[in-house]
Amino acid sequence: MRDDFSKNVKETLAKRVGYRCSNPYCRVLTSGPQVDPAKSVNVGVASHITAASHGGPRFNENLMASQRNSVENGIWLCQKCAKLIDNDVRRYSVNTLNKWKEDAEKNALSEVQSGQKNTNSSKTIDSKKESEISGGLASPLKNSNETVEIISHEAFLSPNVGVLRIDGIIRNKLNETLDVVLSTDIYDSEKKIKVGRNLCNVNLDPHGLSKFRFLINGLDRGLKPRFEFKVESVTHKNNL
């Protein structure tokens, strides 16, 4: 039996972070207007920090049901990041998610108090200060197993804040729905050392196309990056 969140808990989690994804490398807005002026659209998810049921991601058998479905055990994320944290539980630990949640709530409070968006904490990029990087892909898509292929990509470096943005389009080569986790490794092309890594989740319709984006923060401002993509996992949804 799952210890799911109540409607009130979900709304509380969303409101405490201003309806933004709590992942500091995402921070996308998760709510907006529908065409119907009386309705709104929501693409956010109230995710469990420790799983709602036995066998789930980061399950803690020492918690009571009232603790598992409480606000303290929840974090507000966009749909992509909600899937991401449960696909890589070693990377996205309880401590990591609690830190995300704490920082996201602090950022929301700061914005409310100051009336201005905390751009440093939300890892936003000033597009006017970006410069496009030509090339970058060091090798073909690794671990693709002929299931997907990247058909285009472009990269932009914001040297003032040390952030690399990579946008691309990926194609599903199979006649079935796929859930793909991509990674990118960033290298210093001059020093020939690895300097960063990031993951993103992509949902693909049969033989469909989808956009993806990586944001890599904390890079050296004078970096001349080289990067390569890799498929971390592929879930064949039609086989579930």
C-alpha atoms as a PDB file:
ATOM      1  CA  MET A   1       0.000   0.000   0.000  1.00  0.00           C
ATOM      2  CA  ARG A   2       1.314   3.428  -0.977  1.00  0.00           C
ATOM      3  CA  ASP A   3       1.452   6.327   1.439  1.00  0.00           C
ATOM      4  CA  ASP A   4       0.476   8.969  -1.103  1.00  0.00           C
ATOM      5  CA  PHE A   5       0.358  12.688  -0.454  1.00  0.00           C
ATOM      6  CA  SER A   6      -2.964  14.412   0.132  1.00  0.00           C
ATOM      7  CA  LYS A   7      -4.104  17.256  -2.115  1.00  0.00           C
ATOM      8  CA  ASN A   8      -3.304  19.716   0.663  1.00  0.00           C
ATOM      9  CA  VAL A   9       0.265  18.414   1.032  1.00  0.00           C
ATOM     10  CA  LYS A  10       0.844  18.648  -2.732  1.00  0.00           C
ATOM     11  CA  GLU A  11      -0.417  22.233  -2.828  1.00  0.00           C
ATOM     12  CA  THR A  12       1.714  23.163   0.173  1.00  0.00           C
ATOM     13  CA  LEU A  13       4.881  21.726  -1.406  1.00  0.00           C
ATOM     14  CA  ALA A  14       4.217  23.626  -4.645  1.00  0.00           C
ATOM     15  CA  LYS A  15       3.436  26.931  -2.940  1.00  0.00           C
ATOM     16  CA  ARG A  16       6.482  26.794  -0.655  1.00  0.00           C
ATOM     17  CA  VAL A  17       8.773  26.966  -3.705  1.00  0.00           C
ATOM     18  CA  GLY A  18       6.640  29.310  -5.794  1.00  0.00           C
ATOM     19  CA  TYR A  19       5.542  26.507  -8.125  1.00  0.00           C
ATOM     20  CA  ARG A  20       9.105  26.141  -9.412  1.00  0.00           C
ATOM     21  CA  CYS A  21      11.051  22.903  -9.751  1.00  0.00           C
ATOM     22  CA  SER A  22      13.304  22.485  -6.693  1.00  0.00           C
ATOM     23  CA  ASN A  23      16.212  21.119  -8.730  1.00  0.00           C
ATOM     24  CA  PRO A  24      18.740  24.004  -8.588  1.00  0.00           C
ATOM     25  CA  TYR A  25      19.872  23.192 -12.146  1.00  0.00           C
ATOM     26  CA  CYS A  26      16.324  23.423 -13.493  1.00  0.00           C
ATOM     27  CA  ARG A  27      14.030  25.764 -11.502  1.00  0.00           C
ATOM     28  CA  VAL A  28      11.461  25.751 -14.309  1.00  0.00           C
ATOM     29  CA  LEU A  29       7.999  27.176 -13.598  1.00  0.00           C
ATOM     30  CA  THR A  30       5.434  24.367 -13.269  1.00  0.00           C
ATOM     31  CA  SER A  31       2.102  26.187 -13.393  1.00  0.00           C
ATOM     32  CA  GLY A  32       0.427  28.529 -15.870  1.00  0.00           C
ATOM     33  CA  PRO A  33      -2.839  29.331 -17.665  1.00  0.00           C
ATOM     34  CA  GLN A  34      -4.978  27.006 -19.741  1.00  0.00           C
ATOM     35  CA  VAL A  35      -6.952  28.215 -22.749  1.00  0.00           C
ATOM     36  CA  ASP A  36     -10.004  28.064 -20.492  1.00  0.00           C
ATOM     37  CA  PRO A  37      -9.734  31.277 -18.406  1.00  0.00           C
ATOM     38  CA  ALA A  38     -11.201  29.479 -15.401  1.00  0.00           C
ATOM     39  CA  LYS A  39      -8.503  26.789 -15.338  1.00  0.00           C
ATOM     40  CA  SER A  40      -4.736  26.424 -14.953  1.00  0.00           C
ATOM     41  CA  VAL A  41      -2.204  23.866 -16.183  1.00  0.00           C
ATOM     42  CA  ASN A  42       0.232  22.059 -13.887  1.00  0.00           C
ATOM     43  CA  VAL A  43       3.373  20.195 -14.961  1.00  0.00           C
ATOM     44  CA  GLY A  44       4.774  19.808 -11.456  1.00  0.00           C
ATOM     45  CA  VAL A  45       4.989  16.721  -9.261  1.00  0.00           C
ATOM     46  CA  ALA A  46       4.997  16.277  -5.512  1.00  0.00           C
ATOM     47  CA  SER A  47       7.734  13.641  -5.266  1.00  0.00           C
ATOM     48  CA  HIS A  48       8.572  11.486  -2.266  1.00  0.00           C
ATOM     49  CA  ILE A  49      12.048  11.985  -0.835  1.00  0.00           C
ATOM     50  CA  THR A  50      11.823   8.523   0.694  1.00  0.00           C
ATOM     51  CA  ALA A  51       9.519   6.177  -1.216  1.00  0.00           C
ATOM     52  CA  ALA A  52       5.780   5.918  -0.634  1.00  0.00           C
ATOM     53  CA  SER A  53       5.939   2.125  -0.518  1.00  0.00           C
ATOM     54  CA  HIS A  54       8.375  -0.739   0.073  1.00  0.00           C
ATOM     55  CA  GLY A  55      10.793  -1.290  -2.790  1.00  0.00           C
ATOM     56  CA  GLY A  56      10.547   2.282  -4.061  1.00  0.00           C
ATOM     57  CA  PRO A  57      13.412   4.764  -4.446  1.00  0.00           C
ATOM     58  CA  ARG A  58      15.154   5.633  -1.159  1.00  0.00           C
ATOM     59  CA  PHE A  59      12.579   3.688   0.895  1.00  0.00           C
ATOM     60  CA  ASN A  60      12.986   4.056   4.664  1.00  0.00           C
ATOM     61  CA  GLU A  61      11.368   1.226   6.586  1.00  0.00           C
ATOM     62  CA  ASN A  62      11.758   3.121   9.857  1.00  0.00           C
ATOM     63  CA  LEU A  63       9.202   5.765   8.899  1.00  0.00           C
ATOM     64  CA  MET A  64       5.530   5.581   9.818  1.00  0.00           C
ATOM     65  CA  ALA A  65       2.825   6.102   7.196  1.00  0.00           C
ATOM     66  CA  SER A  66       2.083   9.556   8.610  1.00  0.00           C
ATOM     67  CA  GLN A  67       5.734  10.513   8.052  1.00  0.00           C
ATOM     68  CA  ARG A  68       5.929   9.125   4.506  1.00  0.00           C
ATOM     69  CA  ASN A  69       2.956  11.163   3.312  1.00  0.00           C
ATOM     70  CA  SER A  70       3.897  14.341   5.184  1.00  0.00           C
ATOM     71  CA  VAL A  71       5.175  17.659   3.817  1.00  0.00           C
ATOM     72  CA  GLU A  72       8.562  16.893   5.392  1.00  0.00           C
ATOM     73  CA  ASN A  73       8.980  13.877   3.082  1.00  0.00           C
ATOM     74  CA  GLY A  74       8.033  15.679  -0.118  1.00  0.00           C
ATOM     75  CA  ILE A  75       9.788  17.824  -2.700  1.00  0.00           C
ATOM     76  CA  TRP A  76       8.216  19.770  -5.582  1.00  0.00           C
ATOM     77  CA  LEU A  77       9.757  19.029  -8.999  1.00  0.00           C
ATOM     78  CA  CYS A  78       8.908  19.266 -12.668  1.00  0.00           C
ATOM     79  CA  GLN A  79       7.937  15.988 -14.347  1.00  0.00           C
ATOM     80  CA  LYS A  80      11.370  15.551 -15.929  1.00  0.00           C
ATOM     81  CA  CYS A  81      13.286  15.992 -12.687  1.00  0.00           C
ATOM     82  CA  ALA A  82      10.814  13.822 -10.769  1.00  0.00           C
ATOM     83  CA  LYS A  83      11.625  10.975 -13.157  1.00  0.00           C
ATOM     84  CA  LEU A  84      15.327  11.743 -13.039  1.00  0.00           C
ATOM     85  CA  ILE A  85      15.736  11.454  -9.252  1.00  0.00           C
ATOM     86  CA  ASP A  86      14.048   8.049  -9.175  1.00  0.00           C
ATOM     87  CA  ASN A  87      16.158   6.701 -12.048  1.00  0.00           C
ATOM     88  CA  ASP A  88      19.449   7.373 -10.236  1.00  0.00           C
ATOM     89  CA  VAL A  89      18.910   7.005  -6.491  1.00  0.00           C
ATOM     90  CA  ARG A  90      22.623   6.782  -5.689  1.00  0.00           C
ATOM     91  CA  ARG A  91      23.215  10.172  -7.241  1.00  0.00           C
ATOM     92  CA  TYR A  92      20.037  11.750  -5.871  1.00  0.00           C
ATOM     93  CA  SER A  93      20.206  10.747  -2.223  1.00  0.00           C
ATOM     94  CA  VAL A  94      17.924  11.776   0.629  1.00  0.00           C
ATOM     95  CA  ASN A  95      20.503  14.334   1.763  1.00  0.00           C
ATOM     96  CA  THR A  96      20.765  15.801  -1.751  1.00  0.00           C
ATOM     97  CA  LEU A  97      17.002  16.143  -2.144  1.00  0.00           C
ATOM     98  CA  ASN A  98      16.594  17.688   1.289  1.00  0.00           C
ATOM     99  CA  LYS A  99      19.266  20.244   0.372  1.00  0.00           C
ATOM    100  CA  TRP A 100      17.472  21.019  -2.912  1.00  0.00           C
ATOM    101  CA  LYS A 101      14.238  21.508  -0.999  1.00  0.00           C
ATOM    102  CA  GLU A 102      15.800  23.716   1.657  1.00  0.00           C
ATOM    103  CA  ASP A 103      17.525  25.940  -0.914  1.00  0.00           C
ATOM    104  CA  ALA A 104      14.419  26.196  -3.122  1.00  0.00           C
ATOM    105  CA  GLU A 105      12.317  27.341  -0.158  1.00  0.00           C
ATOM    106  CA  LYS A 106      14.969  29.886   0.840  1.00  0.00           C
ATOM    107  CA  ASN A 107      15.031  31.216  -2.729  1.00  0.00           C
ATOM    108  CA  ALA A 108      11.244  31.526  -2.796  1.00  0.00           C
ATOM    109  CA  LEU A 109      11.237  33.401   0.503  1.00  0.00           C
ATOM    110  CA  SER A 110      14.000  35.698  -0.722  1.00  0.00           C
ATOM    111  CA  GLU A 111      12.012  36.533  -3.862  1.00  0.00           C
ATOM    112  CA  VAL A 112       8.869  37.221  -1.836  1.00  0.00           C
ATOM    113  CA  GLN A 113      10.714  39.490   0.577  1.00  0.00           C
ATOM    114  CA  SER A 114      12.742  41.383  -2.009  1.00  0.00           C
ATOM    115  CA  GLY A 115      10.301  41.400  -4.901  1.00  0.00           C
ATOM    116  CA  GLN A 116      13.096  40.273  -7.216  1.00  0.00           C
ATOM    117  CA  LYS A 117      14.027  36.880  -8.617  1.00  0.00           C
ATOM    118  CA  ASN A 118      17.120  35.303  -7.086  1.00  0.00           C
ATOM    119  CA  THR A 119      18.963  34.670 -10.337  1.00  0.00           C
ATOM    120  CA  ASN A 120      22.164  33.444  -8.699  1.00  0.00           C
ATOM    121  CA  SER A 121      20.428  30.637  -6.866  1.00  0.00           C
ATOM    122  CA  SER A 122      18.200  29.562  -9.750  1.00  0.00           C
ATOM    123  CA  LYS A 123      21.189  29.167 -12.083  1.00  0.00           C
ATOM    124  CA  THR A 124      19.660  31.240 -14.891  1.00  0.00           C
ATOM    125  CA  ILE A 125      21.707  32.324 -17.901  1.00  0.00           C
ATOM    126  CA  ASP A 126      21.782  35.776 -19.441  1.00  0.00           C
ATOM    127  CA  SER A 127      21.458  34.901 -23.123  1.00  0.00           C
ATOM    128  CA  LYS A 128      22.933  38.258 -24.130  1.00  0.00           C
ATOM    129  CA  LYS A 129      26.217  37.224 -22.546  1.00  0.00           C
ATOM    130  CA  GLU A 130      26.362  33.771 -24.123  1.00  0.00           C
ATOM    131  CA  SER A 131      28.701  32.831 -26.930  1.00  0.00           C
ATOM    132  CA  GLU A 132      28.023  29.905 -29.259  1.00  0.00           C
ATOM    133  CA  ILE A 133      30.491  27.026 -29.315  1.00  0.00           C
ATOM    134  CA  SER A 134      31.013  25.308 -32.627  1.00  0.00           C
ATOM    135  CA  GLY A 135      31.425  21.535 -32.712  1.00  0.00           C
ATOM    136  CA  GLY A 136      31.917  19.965 -29.325  1.00  0.00           C
ATOM    137  CA  LEU A 137      30.702  16.431 -29.867  1.00  0.00           C
ATOM    138  CA  ALA A 138      33.796  14.281 -29.466  1.00  0.00           C
ATOM    139  CA  SER A 139      32.299  10.941 -30.470  1.00  0.00           C
ATOM    140  CA  PRO A 140      29.044   9.282 -31.585  1.00  0.00           C
ATOM    141  CA  LEU A 141      26.311   8.805 -29.005  1.00  0.00           C
ATOM    142  CA  LYS A 142      27.585   6.138 -26.603  1.00  0.00           C
ATOM    143  CA  ASN A 143      25.499   3.165 -25.386  1.00  0.00           C
ATOM    144  CA  SER A 144      22.695   3.992 -27.833  1.00  0.00           C
ATOM    145  CA  ASN A 145      22.273   0.332 -28.863  1.00  0.00           C
ATOM    146  CA  GLU A 146      20.672   1.609 -32.086  1.00  0.00           C
ATOM    147  CA  THR A 147      17.621   2.815 -30.140  1.00  0.00           C
ATOM    148  CA  VAL A 148      18.125   6.571 -30.383  1.00  0.00           C
ATOM    149  CA  GLU A 149      20.310   9.092 -32.155  1.00  0.00           C
ATOM    150  CA  ILE A 150      21.091  12.763 -31.679  1.00  0.00           C
ATOM    151  CA  ILE A 151      20.340  14.512 -34.962  1.00  0.00           C
ATOM    152  CA  SER A 152      21.389  18.047 -33.987  1.00  0.00           C
ATOM    153  CA  HIS A 153      22.862  20.016 -31.100  1.00  0.00           C
ATOM    154  CA  GLU A 154      24.249  23.441 -30.290  1.00  0.00           C
ATOM    155  CA  ALA A 155      26.143  24.720 -27.262  1.00  0.00           C
ATOM    156  CA  PHE A 156      26.446  28.127 -25.679  1.00  0.00           C
ATOM    157  CA  LEU A 157      28.894  29.231 -23.003  1.00  0.00           C
ATOM    158  CA  SER A 158      28.174  32.101 -20.621  1.00  0.00           C
ATOM    159  CA  PRO A 159      31.722  33.036 -19.537  1.00  0.00           C
ATOM    160  CA  ASN A 160      30.576  35.645 -17.022  1.00  0.00           C
ATOM    161  CA  VAL A 161      28.931  33.019 -14.837  1.00  0.00           C
ATOM    162  CA  GLY A 162      30.702  29.820 -15.973  1.00  0.00           C
ATOM    163  CA  VAL A 163      27.572  28.081 -17.321  1.00  0.00           C
ATOM    164  CA  LEU A 164      27.401  25.842 -20.383  1.00  0.00           C
ATOM    165  CA  ARG A 165      24.031  25.306 -22.086  1.00  0.00           C
ATOM    166  CA  ILE A 166      23.608  22.496 -24.605  1.00  0.00           C
ATOM    167  CA  ASP A 167      20.381  22.195 -26.613  1.00  0.00           C
ATOM    168  CA  GLY A 168      19.669  19.349 -28.976  1.00  0.00           C
ATOM    169  CA  ILE A 169      17.167  17.088 -30.703  1.00  0.00           C
ATOM    170  CA  ILE A 170      17.086  13.316 -30.245  1.00  0.00           C
ATOM    171  CA  ARG A 171      15.271  10.773 -32.445  1.00  0.00           C
ATOM    172  CA  ASN A 172      13.662   7.479 -31.457  1.00  0.00           C
ATOM    173  CA  LYS A 173      14.666   4.814 -33.992  1.00  0.00           C
ATOM    174  CA  LEU A 174      12.163   2.252 -32.679  1.00  0.00           C
ATOM    175  CA  ASN A 175       8.420   1.807 -33.104  1.00  0.00           C
ATOM    176  CA  GLU A 176       7.740   1.978 -29.372  1.00  0.00           C
ATOM    177  CA  THR A 177       7.635   4.602 -26.659  1.00  0.00           C
ATOM    178  CA  LEU A 178      10.930   5.184 -24.859  1.00  0.00           C
ATOM    179  CA  ASP A 179      12.012   6.934 -21.667  1.00  0.00           C
ATOM    180  CA  VAL A 180      15.696   7.811 -22.104  1.00  0.00           C
ATOM    181  CA  VAL A 181      18.207   9.207 -19.615  1.00  0.00           C
ATOM    182  CA  LEU A 182      21.058  11.041 -21.362  1.00  0.00           C
ATOM    183  CA  SER A 183      24.307  12.239 -19.848  1.00  0.00           C
ATOM    184  CA  THR A 184      26.991  14.603 -21.080  1.00  0.00           C
ATOM    185  CA  ASP A 185      30.600  14.701 -19.927  1.00  0.00           C
ATOM    186  CA  ILE A 186      32.414  18.033 -20.234  1.00  0.00           C
ATOM    187  CA  TYR A 187      36.167  18.176 -20.843  1.00  0.00           C
ATOM    188  CA  ASP A 188      38.703  20.969 -20.899  1.00  0.00           C
ATOM    189  CA  SER A 189      39.967  20.668 -24.474  1.00  0.00           C
ATOM    190  CA  GLU A 190      43.325  22.245 -23.585  1.00  0.00           C
ATOM    191  CA  LYS A 191      44.063  20.469 -20.301  1.00  0.00           C
ATOM    192  CA  LYS A 192      42.317  17.276 -21.521  1.00  0.00           C
ATOM    193  CA  ILE A 193      40.603  16.674 -18.187  1.00  0.00           C
ATOM    194  CA  LYS A 194      36.972  16.064 -17.271  1.00  0.00           C
ATOM    195  CA  VAL A 195      35.439  19.142 -15.622  1.00  0.00           C
ATOM    196  CA  GLY A 196      31.704  18.473 -15.439  1.00  0.00           C
ATOM    197  CA  ARG A 197      28.785  16.116 -15.972  1.00  0.00           C
ATOM    198  CA  ASN A 198      25.001  16.421 -16.239  1.00  0.00           C
ATOM    199  CA  LEU A 199      21.927  14.242 -16.834  1.00  0.00           C
ATOM    200  CA  CYS A 200      18.553  14.807 -18.463  1.00  0.00           C
ATOM    201  CA  ASN A 201      15.460  12.691 -19.038  1.00  0.00           C
ATOM    202  CA  VAL A 202      13.708  12.544 -22.445  1.00  0.00           C
ATOM    203  CA  ASN A 203      10.363  10.931 -23.322  1.00  0.00           C
ATOM    204  CA  LEU A 204      10.132   9.765 -26.940  1.00  0.00           C
ATOM    205  CA  ASP A 205       7.101   8.670 -28.957  1.00  0.00           C
ATOM    206  CA  PRO A 206       7.550   5.831 -31.495  1.00  0.00           C
ATOM    207  CA  HIS A 207       9.889   7.119 -34.232  1.00  0.00           C
ATOM    208  CA  GLY A 208       9.452  10.545 -32.661  1.00  0.00           C
ATOM    209  CA  LEU A 209      11.679  13.550 -32.035  1.00  0.00           C
ATOM    210  CA  SER A 210      12.218  15.388 -28.776  1.00  0.00           C
ATOM    211  CA  LYS A 211      14.252  18.348 -27.570  1.00  0.00           C
ATOM    212  CA  PHE A 212      16.711  18.048 -24.703  1.00  0.00           C
ATOM    213  CA  ARG A 213      18.779  20.517 -22.692  1.00  0.00           C
ATOM    214  CA  PHE A 214      21.801  20.312 -20.422  1.00  0.00           C
ATOM    215  CA  LEU A 215      22.896  23.081 -18.052  1.00  0.00           C
ATOM    216  CA  ILE A 216      26.356  22.661 -16.539  1.00  0.00           C
ATOM    217  CA  ASN A 217      27.291  25.138 -13.830  1.00  0.00           C
ATOM    218  CA  GLY A 218      30.472  26.053 -11.992  1.00  0.00           C
ATOM    219  CA  LEU A 219      32.810  25.827 -14.985  1.00  0.00           C
ATOM    220  CA  ASP A 220      35.998  27.826 -15.358  1.00  0.00           C
ATOM    221  CA  ARG A 221      35.205  31.101 -17.105  1.00  0.00           C
ATOM    222  CA  GLY A 222      38.055  30.673 -19.555  1.00  0.00           C
ATOM    223  CA  LEU A 223      37.139  27.082 -20.406  1.00  0.00           C
ATOM    224  CA  LYS A 224      37.317  25.812 -23.973  1.00  0.00           C
ATOM    225  CA  PRO A 225      34.899  22.896 -23.585  1.00  0.00           C
ATOM    226  CA  ARG A 226      34.573  19.629 -25.433  1.00  0.00           C
ATOM    227  CA  PHE A 227      31.658  17.358 -24.632  1.00  0.00           C
ATOM    228  CA  GLU A 228      30.201  13.995 -25.505  1.00  0.00           C
ATOM    229  CA  PHE A 229      26.819  12.387 -24.953  1.00  0.00           C
ATOM    230  CA  LYS A 230      25.961   8.969 -23.561  1.00  0.00           C
ATOM    231  CA  VAL A 231      22.762   6.965 -23.036  1.00  0.00           C
ATOM    232  CA  GLU A 232      22.562   6.055 -19.348  1.00  0.00           C
ATOM    233  CA  SER A 233      19.327   4.061 -19.529  1.00  0.00           C
ATOM    234  CA  VAL A 234      16.444   3.255 -21.868  1.00  0.00           C
ATOM    235  CA  THR A 235      13.019   2.176 -20.609  1.00  0.00           C
ATOM    236  CA  HIS A 236      10.760   0.512 -23.173  1.00  0.00           C
ATOM    237  CA  LYS A 237       7.383   1.702 -21.897  1.00  0.00           C
ATOM    238  CA  ASN A 238       5.300  -0.595 -24.079  1.00  0.00           C
ATOM    239  CA  ASN A 239       6.945  -3.561 -22.392  1.00  0.00           C
ATOM    240  CA  LEU A 240       6.021  -2.528 -18.845  1.00  0.00           C
END
